[in-house]
Structures are given as structure tokens and as C-alpha cells.
Protein backbone atom coordinates (compact mmCIF):
# COMPACT_ATOMS: atom_id res chain seq x y z
CA UNK A 1 10.27 10.42 5.88
CA UNK A 2 13.21 9.74 8.17
CA UNK A 3 14.34 6.23 7.07
CA UNK A 4 17.28 6.01 9.44
CA UNK A 5 15.58 2.98 11.29
CA UNK A 6 16.80 0.88 8.30
CA UNK A 7 20.38 1.39 9.31
CA UNK A 8 22.07 -1.96 10.23
CA UNK A 9 23.49 -0.32 13.33
CA UNK A 10 20.14 0.36 14.80
CA UNK A 11 19.07 -3.24 15.87
CA UNK A 12 16.79 -2.08 18.58
CA UNK A 13 13.71 -4.16 17.72
CA UNK A 14 13.23 -6.38 20.77
CA UNK A 15 16.86 -7.38 20.70
CA UNK A 16 18.20 -5.02 23.23
CA UNK A 17 15.01 -4.73 25.20
CA UNK A 18 12.07 -6.94 24.41
CA UNK A 19 9.59 -4.65 26.09
CA UNK A 20 10.61 -1.50 24.14
CA UNK A 21 9.22 -2.39 20.81
CA UNK A 22 5.42 -2.68 20.00
CA UNK A 23 4.08 -6.07 20.80
CA UNK A 24 3.17 -7.63 17.44
CA UNK A 25 3.30 -11.05 15.92
CA UNK A 26 5.57 -11.60 14.02
CA UNK A 27 8.01 -9.27 15.66
CA UNK A 28 9.29 -6.23 13.89
CA UNK A 29 12.74 -6.55 12.29
CA UNK A 30 13.81 -3.17 13.50
CA UNK A 31 12.31 -0.45 15.75
CA UNK A 32 13.70 2.94 16.70
CA UNK A 33 11.87 4.56 19.53
CA UNK A 34 11.17 8.31 19.70
CA UNK A 35 9.90 10.48 22.53
CA UNK A 36 6.12 10.80 22.80
CA UNK A 37 3.07 8.82 22.05
CA UNK A 38 0.22 9.07 19.51
CA UNK A 39 -3.34 8.31 20.47
CA UNK A 40 -5.76 6.82 17.91
CA UNK A 41 -8.61 6.91 20.35
CA UNK A 42 -10.60 9.48 18.07
CA UNK A 43 -10.43 7.09 15.08
CA UNK A 44 -8.54 7.44 11.85
CA UNK A 45 -8.73 9.10 8.43
CA UNK A 46 -6.69 7.39 5.63
CA UNK A 47 -4.82 9.14 2.88
CA UNK A 48 -3.69 7.02 -0.08
CA UNK A 49 -3.08 6.94 -3.80
CA UNK A 50 -5.67 5.16 -6.10
CA UNK A 51 -3.49 2.10 -6.26
CA UNK A 52 -3.83 1.51 -2.51
CA UNK A 53 -7.71 2.06 -2.34
CA UNK A 54 -8.48 -1.49 -1.60
CA UNK A 55 -5.84 -1.69 1.19
CA UNK A 56 -7.14 1.54 2.61
CA UNK A 57 -10.68 0.26 2.68
CA UNK A 58 -9.68 -3.01 4.36
CA UNK A 59 -7.71 -0.93 6.99
CA UNK A 60 -10.75 1.19 7.72
CA UNK A 61 -13.05 -1.81 7.99
CA UNK A 62 -10.67 -3.70 10.23
CA UNK A 63 -9.97 -0.79 12.44
CA UNK A 64 -13.74 -0.26 13.02
CA UNK A 65 -14.18 -3.89 13.96
CA UNK A 66 -11.23 -4.07 16.40
CA UNK A 67 -11.72 -0.73 18.02
CA UNK A 68 -15.28 0.45 17.78
CA UNK A 69 -16.16 -0.20 21.40
CA UNK A 70 -13.16 1.72 22.62
CA UNK A 71 -13.23 4.87 20.47
CA UNK A 72 -13.72 8.48 21.99
CA UNK A 73 -16.16 9.97 19.58
CA UNK A 74 -15.20 13.50 20.69
CA UNK A 75 -11.47 13.07 20.01
CA UNK A 76 -9.69 14.10 16.82
CA UNK A 77 -9.10 11.37 14.17
CA UNK A 78 -5.46 10.65 13.42
CA UNK A 79 -4.30 10.67 9.78
CA UNK A 80 -2.81 7.48 8.39
CA UNK A 81 -0.93 7.98 5.14
CA UNK A 82 -0.38 4.89 3.04
CA UNK A 83 2.38 5.34 0.29
CA UNK A 84 4.04 3.56 -2.47
CA UNK A 85 7.71 4.31 -3.15
CA UNK A 86 9.36 2.01 -5.81
CA UNK A 87 12.78 3.34 -4.75
CA UNK A 88 12.45 2.61 -1.06
CA UNK A 89 15.73 1.24 0.14
CA UNK A 90 16.32 -1.38 2.87
CA UNK A 91 19.73 -2.07 4.20
CA UNK A 92 19.50 -5.77 3.99
CA UNK A 93 20.77 -8.58 1.68
CA UNK A 94 17.27 -10.16 1.63
CA UNK A 95 15.60 -9.76 -1.68
CA UNK A 96 12.26 -10.35 -0.07
CA UNK A 97 12.58 -7.00 1.60
CA UNK A 98 12.08 -5.24 -1.73
CA UNK A 99 8.60 -6.67 -2.41
CA UNK A 100 7.19 -7.11 1.11
CA UNK A 101 9.16 -4.82 3.32
CA UNK A 102 7.77 -1.57 4.64
CA UNK A 103 8.43 1.41 6.86
CA UNK A 104 5.97 2.30 9.63
CA UNK A 105 6.39 5.75 11.23
CA UNK A 106 4.39 6.94 14.28
CA UNK A 107 4.74 10.54 15.23
CA UNK A 108 1.55 12.32 15.83
CA UNK A 109 0.20 10.69 12.77
CA UNK A 110 1.02 7.39 11.00
CA UNK A 111 2.69 6.70 7.64
CA UNK A 112 3.29 3.34 6.09
CA UNK A 113 5.47 3.26 3.14
CA UNK A 114 6.60 0.24 0.89
CA UNK A 115 7.58 -0.62 -2.64
CA UNK A 116 4.40 -2.60 -3.14
CA UNK A 117 0.82 -2.86 -2.13
CA UNK A 118 1.72 -6.15 -0.28
CA UNK A 119 4.31 -4.28 1.80
CA UNK A 120 1.90 -1.62 2.68
CA UNK A 121 -0.76 -4.19 3.64
CA UNK A 122 1.69 -6.02 6.11
CA UNK A 123 2.33 -2.55 7.65
CA UNK A 124 -1.27 -2.05 8.20
CA UNK A 125 -1.36 -5.53 10.07
CA UNK A 126 1.30 -4.52 12.32
CA UNK A 127 -0.43 -1.26 13.10
CA UNK A 128 -3.74 -2.98 13.90
CA UNK A 129 -1.92 -5.48 16.18
CA UNK A 130 -0.46 -2.59 18.09
CA UNK A 131 -3.86 -1.09 18.40
CA UNK A 132 -5.34 -4.41 19.67
CA UNK A 133 -3.30 -3.81 22.90
CA UNK A 134 -3.79 -0.02 23.20
CA UNK A 135 -5.13 2.78 21.24
CA UNK A 136 -2.15 4.92 22.48
CA UNK A 137 1.00 3.96 20.56
CA UNK A 138 4.64 4.84 21.28
CA UNK A 139 6.13 7.14 18.69
CA UNK A 140 8.96 5.54 16.62
CA UNK A 141 9.85 4.02 13.23
CA UNK A 142 9.91 0.42 12.23
CA UNK A 143 11.79 -1.15 9.27
CA UNK A 144 10.25 -4.53 8.71
CA UNK A 145 10.45 -7.32 6.10
CA UNK A 146 10.14 -11.16 5.90
CA UNK A 147 13.21 -13.31 5.81
CA UNK A 148 11.48 -15.84 3.55
CA UNK A 149 9.02 -15.25 0.61
CA UNK A 150 6.94 -18.41 1.38
CA UNK A 151 5.26 -18.55 4.70
CA UNK A 152 2.69 -21.27 4.42
CA UNK A 153 0.01 -23.45 5.80
CA UNK A 154 -1.53 -26.53 4.13
CA UNK A 155 -5.04 -27.92 4.84
CA UNK A 156 -6.06 -31.43 3.74
CA UNK A 157 -9.67 -31.02 2.55
CA UNK A 158 -9.41 -34.09 0.35
CA UNK A 159 -9.96 -36.49 3.15
CA UNK A 160 -12.16 -34.26 5.19
CA UNK A 161 -14.22 -31.46 3.70
CA UNK A 162 -13.92 -27.93 5.15
CA UNK A 163 -17.01 -25.75 4.53
CA UNK A 164 -16.35 -22.60 2.55
CA UNK A 165 -16.74 -20.39 5.59
CA UNK A 166 -13.99 -22.31 7.42
CA UNK A 167 -11.64 -21.90 4.41
CA UNK A 168 -12.26 -18.12 4.40
CA UNK A 169 -11.51 -17.98 8.18
CA UNK A 170 -8.15 -19.60 7.63
CA UNK A 171 -7.31 -17.03 4.95
CA UNK A 172 -8.22 -14.21 7.44
CA UNK A 173 -6.08 -15.89 10.18
CA UNK A 174 -3.06 -16.40 7.90
CA UNK A 175 -3.20 -12.71 6.73
CA UNK A 176 -3.33 -11.49 10.30
CA UNK A 177 -0.01 -13.28 11.05
CA UNK A 178 1.58 -12.33 7.74
CA UNK A 179 1.43 -15.98 6.59
CA UNK A 180 1.02 -15.60 2.80
CA UNK A 181 0.80 -19.05 1.24
CA UNK A 182 -2.33 -21.23 1.60
CA UNK A 183 -1.82 -24.77 0.04
CA UNK A 184 -5.30 -26.50 -0.25
CA UNK A 185 -4.89 -30.25 -0.81
CA UNK A 186 -8.02 -31.00 -2.89
CA UNK A 187 -8.18 -34.71 -3.38
CA UNK A 188 -7.03 -37.67 -1.25
CA UNK A 189 -8.31 -40.98 0.13
CA UNK A 190 -8.48 -43.41 3.06
CA UNK A 191 -5.20 -45.15 3.86
CA UNK A 192 -6.45 -48.63 3.21
CA UNK A 193 -3.40 -50.46 4.54
CA UNK A 194 -4.16 -48.84 7.91
CA UNK A 195 -7.87 -49.28 7.99
CA UNK A 196 -7.69 -52.93 6.50
CA UNK A 197 -10.61 -52.11 4.22
CA UNK A 198 -10.82 -52.84 0.46
CA UNK A 199 -10.30 -49.97 -2.09
CA UNK A 200 -13.92 -50.44 -3.13
CA UNK A 201 -14.86 -49.53 0.53
CA UNK A 202 -12.24 -46.68 1.08
CA UNK A 203 -13.50 -43.24 1.54
CA UNK A 204 -12.08 -40.64 -0.96
CA UNK A 205 -12.71 -37.07 -1.88
CA UNK A 206 -12.29 -34.83 -4.86
CA UNK A 207 -13.30 -31.30 -3.78
CA UNK A 208 -13.82 -29.29 -6.92
CA UNK A 209 -17.19 -29.42 -8.83
CA UNK A 210 -17.21 -28.35 -12.42
CA UNK A 211 -20.20 -28.08 -14.71
CA UNK A 212 -18.34 -29.56 -17.59
CA UNK A 213 -20.10 -32.76 -18.76
CA UNK A 214 -16.96 -34.78 -19.34
CA UNK A 215 -16.12 -34.48 -15.61
CA UNK A 216 -19.48 -35.50 -14.31
CA UNK A 217 -19.29 -37.83 -11.35
CA UNK A 218 -15.88 -36.85 -10.08
CA UNK A 219 -16.81 -34.28 -7.50
CA UNK A 220 -17.47 -35.63 -3.96
CA UNK A 221 -21.16 -35.66 -2.96
CA UNK A 222 -20.31 -34.86 0.69
CA UNK A 223 -18.76 -31.57 -0.12
CA UNK A 224 -17.03 -29.92 -3.08
CA UNK A 225 -16.31 -26.25 -4.04
CA UNK A 226 -18.07 -24.97 -7.22
CA UNK A 227 -16.53 -22.19 -9.22
CA UNK A 228 -18.35 -19.47 -7.48
CA UNK A 229 -17.15 -20.69 -3.95
CA UNK A 230 -13.59 -21.01 -5.35
CA UNK A 231 -13.75 -17.48 -6.62
CA UNK A 232 -14.83 -16.27 -3.16
CA UNK A 233 -11.58 -17.80 -1.83
CA UNK A 234 -9.56 -16.15 -4.60
CA UNK A 235 -11.22 -12.75 -3.93
CA UNK A 236 -10.64 -12.84 -0.26
CA UNK A 237 -7.05 -14.11 -0.56
CA UNK A 238 -6.25 -11.30 -3.01
CA UNK A 239 -7.55 -8.71 -0.68
CA UNK A 240 -5.70 -10.19 2.19
CA UNK A 241 -2.46 -10.75 0.27
CA UNK A 242 -2.59 -14.49 0.66
CA UNK A 243 -1.69 -16.68 -2.25
CA UNK A 244 -3.81 -19.88 -2.86
CA UNK A 245 -1.76 -22.84 -3.94
CA UNK A 246 -4.29 -25.54 -5.07
CA UNK A 247 -3.13 -29.10 -5.14
CA UNK A 248 -4.48 -31.99 -7.31
CA UNK A 249 -2.54 -34.94 -5.88
CA UNK A 250 -1.42 -37.39 -8.55
CA UNK A 251 -0.41 -40.16 -9.33
CA UNK A 252 -0.79 -41.70 -5.84
CA UNK A 253 -3.59 -40.56 -3.40
CA UNK A 254 -5.75 -40.74 -6.42
CA UNK A 255 -8.70 -43.09 -5.44
CA UNK A 256 -11.21 -40.44 -6.23
CA UNK A 257 -10.01 -40.34 -9.88
CA UNK A 258 -9.84 -44.19 -10.16
CA UNK A 259 -13.40 -44.46 -8.67
CA UNK A 260 -14.58 -42.18 -11.41
CA UNK A 261 -12.37 -43.60 -14.18
CA UNK A 262 -11.41 -47.24 -13.02
CA UNK A 263 -9.40 -47.87 -16.20
CA UNK A 264 -6.89 -45.32 -14.97
CA UNK A 265 -5.87 -47.26 -11.88
CA UNK A 266 -3.11 -49.80 -11.24
CA UNK A 267 -4.10 -53.38 -10.68
CA UNK A 268 -7.26 -52.99 -12.75
CA UNK A 269 -8.43 -50.17 -10.67
CA UNK A 270 -7.85 -51.97 -7.28
CA UNK A 271 -5.42 -49.26 -5.91
CA UNK A 272 -5.18 -45.49 -5.15
CA UNK A 273 -2.21 -45.24 -7.66
CA UNK A 274 -2.81 -44.25 -11.20
CA UNK A 275 -1.39 -46.61 -13.98
CA UNK A 276 1.17 -44.36 -15.58
CA UNK A 277 1.92 -46.93 -18.31
CA UNK A 278 -1.41 -46.04 -19.99
CA UNK A 279 -1.51 -43.07 -22.36
CA UNK A 280 -5.19 -42.73 -21.46
CA UNK A 281 -4.22 -42.08 -17.85
CA UNK A 282 -1.77 -39.26 -18.83
CA UNK A 283 -4.62 -37.77 -21.05
CA UNK A 284 -7.08 -37.83 -18.14
CA UNK A 285 -4.65 -36.08 -15.74
CA UNK A 286 -3.80 -33.37 -18.29
CA UNK A 287 -7.46 -32.85 -18.84
CA UNK A 288 -8.13 -32.35 -15.16
CA UNK A 289 -5.42 -29.62 -14.94
CA UNK A 290 -6.80 -28.09 -18.24
CA UNK A 291 -10.23 -28.03 -16.61
CA UNK A 292 -9.33 -26.45 -13.23
CA UNK A 293 -6.13 -24.39 -13.71
CA UNK A 294 -8.26 -21.51 -15.21
CA UNK A 295 -9.94 -21.36 -11.82
CA UNK A 296 -6.58 -20.69 -10.19
CA UNK A 297 -5.35 -17.12 -10.14
CA UNK A 298 -2.06 -17.56 -8.34
CA UNK A 299 1.23 -18.31 -10.09
CA UNK A 300 1.71 -21.85 -8.71
CA UNK A 301 -0.16 -25.15 -8.84
CA UNK A 302 0.83 -28.28 -6.77
CA UNK A 303 0.58 -31.62 -8.52
CA UNK A 304 1.43 -33.85 -5.53
CA UNK A 305 3.70 -36.51 -6.91
CA UNK A 306 4.53 -38.29 -3.58
CA UNK A 307 4.50 -41.78 -2.28
CA UNK A 308 4.16 -43.55 -5.62
CA UNK A 309 5.36 -47.18 -6.10
CA UNK A 310 9.16 -47.27 -6.69
CA UNK A 311 8.46 -50.40 -8.72
CA UNK A 312 7.18 -48.13 -11.51
CA UNK A 313 10.05 -45.48 -11.21
CA UNK A 314 10.54 -44.94 -14.93
CA UNK A 315 6.90 -44.42 -15.58
CA UNK A 316 6.92 -42.07 -12.58
CA UNK A 317 9.76 -40.08 -13.96
CA UNK A 318 8.10 -39.57 -17.33
CA UNK A 319 4.84 -38.53 -15.48
CA UNK A 320 6.74 -36.02 -13.25
CA UNK A 321 8.26 -34.37 -16.33
CA UNK A 322 5.15 -34.52 -18.41
CA UNK A 323 2.84 -32.94 -15.91
CA UNK A 324 5.24 -30.30 -14.63
CA UNK A 325 5.94 -29.43 -18.31
CA UNK A 326 2.11 -29.25 -18.92
CA UNK A 327 1.67 -26.93 -16.03
CA UNK A 328 4.35 -24.64 -17.27
CA UNK A 329 2.48 -24.61 -20.67
CA UNK A 330 -0.62 -23.52 -18.81
CA UNK A 331 1.26 -20.64 -17.26
CA UNK A 332 1.87 -22.05 -13.68
CA UNK A 333 4.80 -22.79 -11.72
CA UNK A 334 4.73 -26.51 -10.67
CA UNK A 335 5.11 -27.67 -7.06
CA UNK A 336 5.69 -31.21 -5.95
CA UNK A 337 6.25 -33.21 -2.69
CA UNK A 338 9.91 -34.49 -2.56
CA UNK A 339 10.06 -38.09 -3.55
CA UNK A 340 13.28 -38.39 -5.63
CA UNK A 341 15.54 -40.11 -3.12
CA UNK A 342 13.14 -43.06 -2.92
CA UNK A 343 12.10 -42.94 -6.65
CA UNK A 344 15.53 -42.41 -8.32
CA UNK A 345 18.41 -42.88 -5.96
CA UNK A 346 18.75 -39.31 -4.49
CA UNK A 347 20.93 -36.27 -4.94
CA UNK A 348 23.35 -36.30 -7.70
CA UNK A 349 22.47 -39.86 -8.87
CA UNK A 350 22.20 -40.75 -12.54
CA UNK A 351 18.37 -41.39 -12.10
CA UNK A 352 17.82 -37.97 -10.48
CA UNK A 353 19.52 -36.33 -13.63
CA UNK A 354 16.39 -37.26 -15.70
CA UNK A 355 13.96 -35.08 -13.79
CA UNK A 356 12.79 -31.57 -14.67
CA UNK A 357 14.49 -29.03 -12.36
CA UNK A 358 12.03 -26.20 -12.73
CA UNK A 359 9.75 -27.65 -10.00
CA UNK A 360 9.57 -26.33 -6.41
CA UNK A 361 10.02 -29.15 -4.05
CA UNK A 362 8.12 -29.48 -0.69
CA UNK A 363 10.72 -31.45 1.36
CA UNK A 364 8.33 -33.36 3.60
CA UNK A 365 10.49 -36.31 4.55
CA UNK A 366 14.26 -36.65 5.01
CA UNK A 367 14.14 -40.21 3.63
CA UNK A 368 11.92 -39.65 0.58
CA UNK A 369 13.87 -36.43 -0.39
CA UNK A 370 15.48 -34.10 2.14
CA UNK A 371 15.89 -30.45 1.77
CA UNK A 372 19.61 -31.05 1.44
CA UNK A 373 19.22 -33.65 -1.31
CA UNK A 374 16.92 -31.39 -3.26
CA UNK A 375 19.09 -28.40 -3.03
CA UNK A 376 22.05 -30.42 -4.11
CA UNK A 377 20.02 -31.54 -7.21
CA UNK A 378 19.39 -27.82 -7.94
CA UNK A 379 15.72 -27.45 -6.80
CA UNK A 380 14.28 -24.60 -4.78
CA UNK A 381 12.66 -25.92 -1.56
CA UNK A 382 9.89 -25.33 0.84
CA UNK A 383 10.36 -26.89 4.32
CA UNK A 384 7.32 -28.99 5.02
CA UNK A 385 9.12 -31.45 7.37
CA UNK A 386 6.69 -34.19 8.58
CA UNK A 387 8.28 -34.71 12.05
CA UNK A 388 8.37 -31.03 12.91
CA UNK A 389 5.46 -29.52 11.00
CA UNK A 390 2.68 -32.23 10.41
CA UNK A 391 -0.58 -32.38 12.42
CA UNK A 392 -2.61 -35.56 11.83
CA UNK A 393 -5.63 -34.95 14.16
CA UNK A 394 -5.98 -37.48 16.98
CA UNK A 395 -3.41 -39.85 15.45
CA UNK A 396 -0.62 -41.72 17.32
CA UNK A 397 2.04 -40.58 14.84
CA UNK A 398 3.44 -37.03 13.91
CA UNK A 399 1.33 -34.80 16.02
CA UNK A 400 -2.05 -36.05 16.95
CA UNK A 401 -2.55 -32.75 18.91
CA UNK A 402 -1.18 -29.35 18.40
CA UNK A 403 2.41 -28.83 17.28
CA UNK A 404 4.97 -28.30 20.04
CA UNK A 405 4.87 -24.56 20.02
CA UNK A 406 7.58 -24.08 22.69
CA UNK A 407 9.90 -26.44 20.90
CA UNK A 408 9.37 -24.63 17.75
CA UNK A 409 9.83 -21.26 19.30
CA UNK A 410 13.18 -22.27 21.01
CA UNK A 411 14.76 -24.52 18.39
CA UNK A 412 13.18 -24.36 14.91
CA UNK A 413 13.47 -22.03 11.88
CA UNK A 414 12.67 -22.67 8.31
CA UNK A 415 16.26 -23.99 7.53
CA UNK A 416 15.85 -26.64 10.21
CA UNK A 417 14.81 -30.12 9.00
CA UNK A 418 16.19 -32.28 11.70
CA UNK A 419 18.16 -35.51 11.56
CA UNK A 420 21.26 -33.69 10.42
CA UNK A 421 19.70 -32.42 7.33
CA UNK A 422 19.47 -28.69 8.01
CA UNK A 423 20.41 -26.05 5.52
CA UNK A 424 22.18 -22.80 6.33
CA UNK A 425 19.77 -19.95 7.30
CA UNK A 426 18.25 -18.13 4.44
CA UNK A 427 19.87 -20.44 1.86
CA UNK A 428 19.17 -18.93 -1.59
CA UNK A 429 17.30 -22.11 -2.69
CA UNK A 430 15.14 -22.12 0.44
CA UNK A 431 11.99 -20.33 -0.22
CA UNK A 432 10.46 -20.80 3.26
CA UNK A 433 8.31 -23.26 5.08
CA UNK A 434 4.75 -24.53 5.58
CA UNK A 435 3.09 -26.46 8.43
CA UNK A 436 0.34 -28.94 7.33
CA UNK A 437 -2.90 -30.70 8.62
CA UNK A 438 -3.45 -34.18 7.14
CA UNK A 439 -6.84 -35.67 7.91
CA UNK A 440 -5.70 -39.29 7.67
CA UNK A 441 -8.17 -40.76 10.16
CA UNK A 442 -11.17 -40.68 7.90
CA UNK A 443 -13.10 -43.06 10.01
CA UNK A 444 -12.78 -40.75 13.18
CA UNK A 445 -15.51 -38.30 14.11
CA UNK A 446 -14.34 -34.72 14.48
CA UNK A 447 -15.24 -31.27 13.03
CA UNK A 448 -13.69 -28.30 11.62
CA UNK A 449 -13.52 -26.46 15.04
CA UNK A 450 -11.51 -29.45 16.42
CA UNK A 451 -8.99 -29.12 13.62
CA UNK A 452 -8.75 -25.32 14.16
CA UNK A 453 -8.18 -25.90 17.90
CA UNK A 454 -5.13 -28.04 17.03
CA UNK A 455 -3.80 -25.52 14.45
CA UNK A 456 -4.25 -22.31 16.56
CA UNK A 457 -1.64 -22.88 19.42
CA UNK A 458 1.47 -22.88 17.25
CA UNK A 459 0.34 -20.56 14.51
CA UNK A 460 1.79 -17.41 15.96
CA UNK A 461 5.08 -19.12 16.63
CA UNK A 462 5.28 -20.40 13.13
CA UNK A 463 4.57 -16.81 11.78
CA UNK A 464 7.30 -15.48 13.98
CA UNK A 465 9.90 -17.91 12.77
CA UNK A 466 8.99 -17.60 9.12
CA UNK A 467 9.05 -13.83 9.12
CA UNK A 468 11.85 -12.70 11.48
CA UNK A 469 13.19 -15.83 13.27
CA UNK A 470 14.41 -15.86 16.78
CA UNK A 471 14.59 -12.64 18.54
CA UNK A 472 17.13 -12.10 21.38
CA UNK A 473 15.61 -11.53 24.84
CA UNK A 474 12.15 -12.57 23.71
CA UNK A 475 11.02 -15.50 25.95
CA UNK A 476 8.37 -18.03 25.05
CA UNK A 477 6.15 -17.08 27.96
CA UNK A 478 6.14 -13.37 26.88
CA UNK A 479 5.36 -14.39 23.32
CA UNK A 480 2.47 -16.59 24.51
CA UNK A 481 1.09 -13.38 26.20
CA UNK A 482 1.26 -11.59 22.90
CA UNK A 483 -0.56 -14.42 21.20
CA UNK A 484 -3.48 -14.23 23.74
CA UNK A 485 -3.77 -10.53 23.11
CA UNK A 486 -3.78 -10.92 19.37
CA UNK A 487 -6.02 -13.95 19.08
CA UNK A 488 -8.87 -12.18 17.61
CA UNK A 489 -8.39 -11.09 13.93
CA UNK A 490 -10.50 -9.02 11.71
CA UNK A 491 -13.35 -10.66 9.81
CA UNK A 492 -13.21 -13.92 11.90
CA UNK A 493 -16.64 -15.52 11.57
CA UNK A 494 -16.65 -19.22 11.77
CA UNK A 495 -14.10 -20.37 14.41
CA UNK A 496 -14.38 -19.37 18.10
């Protein structure tokens, strides 16, 4: 295959002429046009190695769903070749290109080449998005890769249950836009200081249901995922190259655990914070991870660790280290919400020196622990900044409606944390970013569709910024047009 499109001198994807390259979301990193077009109106035949059989099957099914009404049954099918090449080179300093980058060539036929199955799969997403606009494609070659390995979205199902079919639809949407990390926040509770209700009255949720007798009574009666349902998420996510990152949120936001085991709570159980001074509490938390980590197939598990009382900072530090070490012993990479500026004095302080450093930090608030502070302390970071990336449906703080898509399009990228706390673009310790939905208002009445309607408007913009960033000459209005064209993704079943 001609791989000259990967030359740094050929920066013709959208940058010189935004209408010249295929209209996909996120945009291609580089595109080199050739004379001619290729029509797929007669359908496709896929050639592939055995290692790519699942990706080929998904491509065929998705192609049929997206194009069946438009195909010319008398025309000749076009061959699409899917190929793995472990020596494929990309002329970029970005290490992510090696595992998720791909080449896509259109020239009478179609060939997608990558080092990994994931790279080939992302190439099929770009191809299908092109076909969503027209079955006749411009000939050319694309070299494409993500700027960041973590391109994420988080959904709070702890406070408000999402039915399994809704979770699966989110996985399909994420995959369509090359967003590859789905953080699922599995336990949480009412914010009693806001609702002015007692902890005994407060709503809470724990959304995993195990058959183990010792854990009886913990799972929420109004909705929890059993092992079969969780496996369905893992199966779909694997087929769509989305990584699930489950979160059991401790030691705060833990009212569901305290309701189940009152002796584990601060203030004699009158709290949503665990009593970390008790050996029994640590034993229970370890037991929960022992119980559920075998369900989780991905490499990472989130253990929360945010918004705990700073009056118990030494107990918190020991807990942070104990649970992160325990997750490592279970074969998982630990992730935590950033809290160390509040809990230990911040970057470079003597208190911060006592914390395990092999934890990925979700930098969610610049006061609790900014991305800059976390990086200075040696952590790898995911940008989950609350002011920029949090939706709290129908609240009067953060974003009660959709995120400001135009502002994100024009001013934001994953290294932007605001308030003078930005990192340099593609900082080596910055893994990427994730937007988040927090269902704080547990007493309000709204459904899954209402949440989705708030998520959808900025989703394509976020994917653009996490994958390729800003593209010279591409205006927000044109990008919005693309989004409308590509708003129907394969397999979409629950949301409308």
C-alpha cells in the first residue's frame, strides 16, 4: 500500500480545505486526495485474516443496517480488505498512533491497515461514517490516529439506575465516535446536606447484584446489574473496542454500604462516609473488590476516593494506599478522583509524599487536586474538570442542561483545565479526558431519555477534541452539520 499520506509534509486533512476531506467525526488526522471516486452502492465483500473475523462481521452487519435501503442490488460489490501490519509506521511522535492508528485507502476498492485490531476497527468507523453521507466516496488515503489514549464518558448509575439496554446504547454511541473509555459509577447516594433529609431517609444505590450469601442485602431493589447483564456489557464493549472502567466509590458517597453494614459508617452509621479507623471497614471494602473485580475484564478499576472528611486525613491516606495496593494485587490498575490538595496539602507537600503514586488521577476540581498539582506529584492524569465537563441534569450548578458545545469546540482540548491550571498539549502524563453525568437530584423526576438528550449535543465535539483536536478552517456550524448527518449509529436501539 502507498503510505505516503503519513508524511508530515502532507497536512491536507481539513486544514487547507475543510470541504476536501471526507466528513467524519472525529476528523481524520491526514487525508491525501486522489483523482476519481469509488461507489459502494452494490454492497461490500470483506477480506480479512482470522484475527479480524469479529471486526469484519461487525463491519458487514453495520454496513447492512446503515445502507440497506440505498443499495443497488444489480451493481458489483466492492472489496474491503482489513489487514494487520505490526510494522506499520506513522510519522508522528504520538505513541498512541502505534496501537490505535490506521491507514484507510480508497481507490476502486478499500483497504484498512493497522497494527492492531482496535486500529482496524476505528478505520471501519470512519468508512461507515463516510457512507452515511454518500455511497460514492472520493478516492484517497487517510492516515489517522488519536492524540490521547483515554477518550472517555462517565455515567452515574448509582444515584439513578440506567436499564441495561440504555447502557448498551451508550457503548454503541461511544464506539461510533471513537470514544473508548466508559466509566460506570456504580454506587452513590442523595446529597443530604442539600435535601435537608436525614441519612436514614436518604436515597442510595448499589448497582451490582451478586449471588454470594455474604453480600445479600447490598444490591438496590430498584435496579442492579447481575453477572449476566454485566457480561453483556463486557461482551458488547469488547466487540466495539470500548473499555469499561467500573467504579465502586469509597470511602465517601458510601451510604449504600453503610445502610447494609451500619457498623462501617462514621458517627455510628449516621453518615455517607465510611469509618476508616475500623479494621472491619477495610476488610469489608476489600471484600467488595474481591467479590466484583472478577466480573471486570478491563485493566482498570476506579475506587472513588473523593470528598472525604479532611478531619480524618491520616486514616484516608492509609485507606488510599491500602485499596490501591489491593487492586494492584487483584491485577487491576487503580483510578481515583483527585483529592490530595484538600486531603494532604497539595503538590510537593510532605503529606502528599505518603501516597501511592501508581494510581491514575481523574482531576475533577482545581481546588481538590488540579491536573497541574497531580502531574507535579508524579501522577498520570485524566481531565474530568467539573466546570467544563460535568452535566448534573436540571441542576442550577455545573451544567443543568447540555454542555456548551460551541465553547468546547472553540476553546477546549484535553489539556485545558481552566483557572490558569492548564497543562501543555499532549503532556506525557496526560492520558486524555472524560465528560461526566452526575444524577445528584435524586428527588427530581426524569428518565434515561432526558439524560441522553443532554449528553448528545456535545458528544461529537468531545470526540473531535479528544481524538484530533482543533482543525484549521473547520467552523462550528459546519461541524454541527456533520453531527446531524452522523447522528444515527449502528445498533442504536433504546434512545431516539
